[in-house]
């Protein structure tokens, strides 16, 4: 994963997550801000904010 400026995450943003790089939508942050609830076609998952990448709409799978 790239190191650089932290992402400014907001509800509704499309992100890539997981080992298979699924695309989902951010729902809400955890109370401490370390994780985000992400929903996709398979359900909802808590994902570490450090493991999220912005989804490129043109390369959506």
Protein backbone atom coordinates (compact mmCIF):
# COMPACT_ATOMS: atom_id res chain seq x y z
CA UNK A 1 0.00 0.00 0.00
CA UNK A 2 1.18 3.49 -0.77
CA UNK A 3 2.42 5.80 1.93
CA UNK A 4 1.47 9.44 1.66
CA UNK A 5 -1.15 11.89 2.78
CA UNK A 6 -4.03 10.19 4.64
CA UNK A 7 -7.28 9.87 2.73
CA UNK A 8 -10.14 12.17 3.64
CA UNK A 9 -12.88 9.58 3.97
CA UNK A 10 -16.57 10.49 3.93
CA UNK A 11 -19.79 8.49 3.96
CA UNK A 12 -20.91 7.55 0.47
CA UNK A 13 -17.41 7.35 -1.04
CA UNK A 14 -16.62 4.30 -3.16
CA UNK A 15 -13.58 2.40 -1.95
CA UNK A 16 -11.62 -0.74 -2.81
CA UNK A 17 -11.02 -3.15 0.10
CA UNK A 18 -10.20 -6.74 1.04
CA UNK A 19 -7.77 -9.26 -0.41
CA UNK A 20 -9.82 -9.52 -3.63
CA UNK A 21 -10.09 -5.72 -3.95
CA UNK A 22 -13.89 -5.57 -3.91
CA UNK A 23 -15.56 -2.22 -4.38
CA UNK A 24 -17.90 -0.96 -1.69
CA UNK A 25 -19.39 2.21 -0.26
CA UNK A 26 -18.45 3.81 3.05
CA UNK A 27 -21.36 3.89 5.51
CA UNK A 28 -19.95 5.34 8.74
CA UNK A 29 -16.77 5.47 10.82
CA UNK A 30 -16.27 3.63 14.09
CA UNK A 31 -16.41 5.80 17.25
CA UNK A 32 -12.59 5.95 17.42
CA UNK A 33 -12.21 6.53 13.65
CA UNK A 34 -9.87 3.58 13.12
CA UNK A 35 -12.36 1.54 11.06
CA UNK A 36 -15.13 2.19 8.56
CA UNK A 37 -18.32 0.24 7.95
CA UNK A 38 -18.24 -0.65 4.24
CA UNK A 39 -21.19 -2.13 2.35
CA UNK A 40 -21.04 -4.06 -0.89
CA UNK A 41 -23.15 -6.66 -2.68
CA UNK A 42 -22.14 -9.34 -0.13
CA UNK A 43 -23.00 -7.40 3.04
CA UNK A 44 -21.46 -4.95 5.49
CA UNK A 45 -17.96 -5.20 6.92
CA UNK A 46 -15.81 -3.24 9.37
CA UNK A 47 -12.53 -2.44 7.58
CA UNK A 48 -9.43 -0.72 8.97
CA UNK A 49 -9.10 2.80 7.55
CA UNK A 50 -5.46 2.06 6.70
CA UNK A 51 -6.56 -0.74 4.32
CA UNK A 52 -8.99 1.35 2.25
CA UNK A 53 -8.15 2.68 -1.21
CA UNK A 54 -10.25 5.04 -3.30
CA UNK A 55 -12.02 3.15 -6.08
CA UNK A 56 -11.24 4.22 -9.61
CA UNK A 57 -14.60 4.37 -11.36
CA UNK A 58 -13.07 3.58 -14.77
CA UNK A 59 -11.45 0.39 -13.48
CA UNK A 60 -14.45 -0.94 -11.53
CA UNK A 61 -14.68 -4.74 -11.60
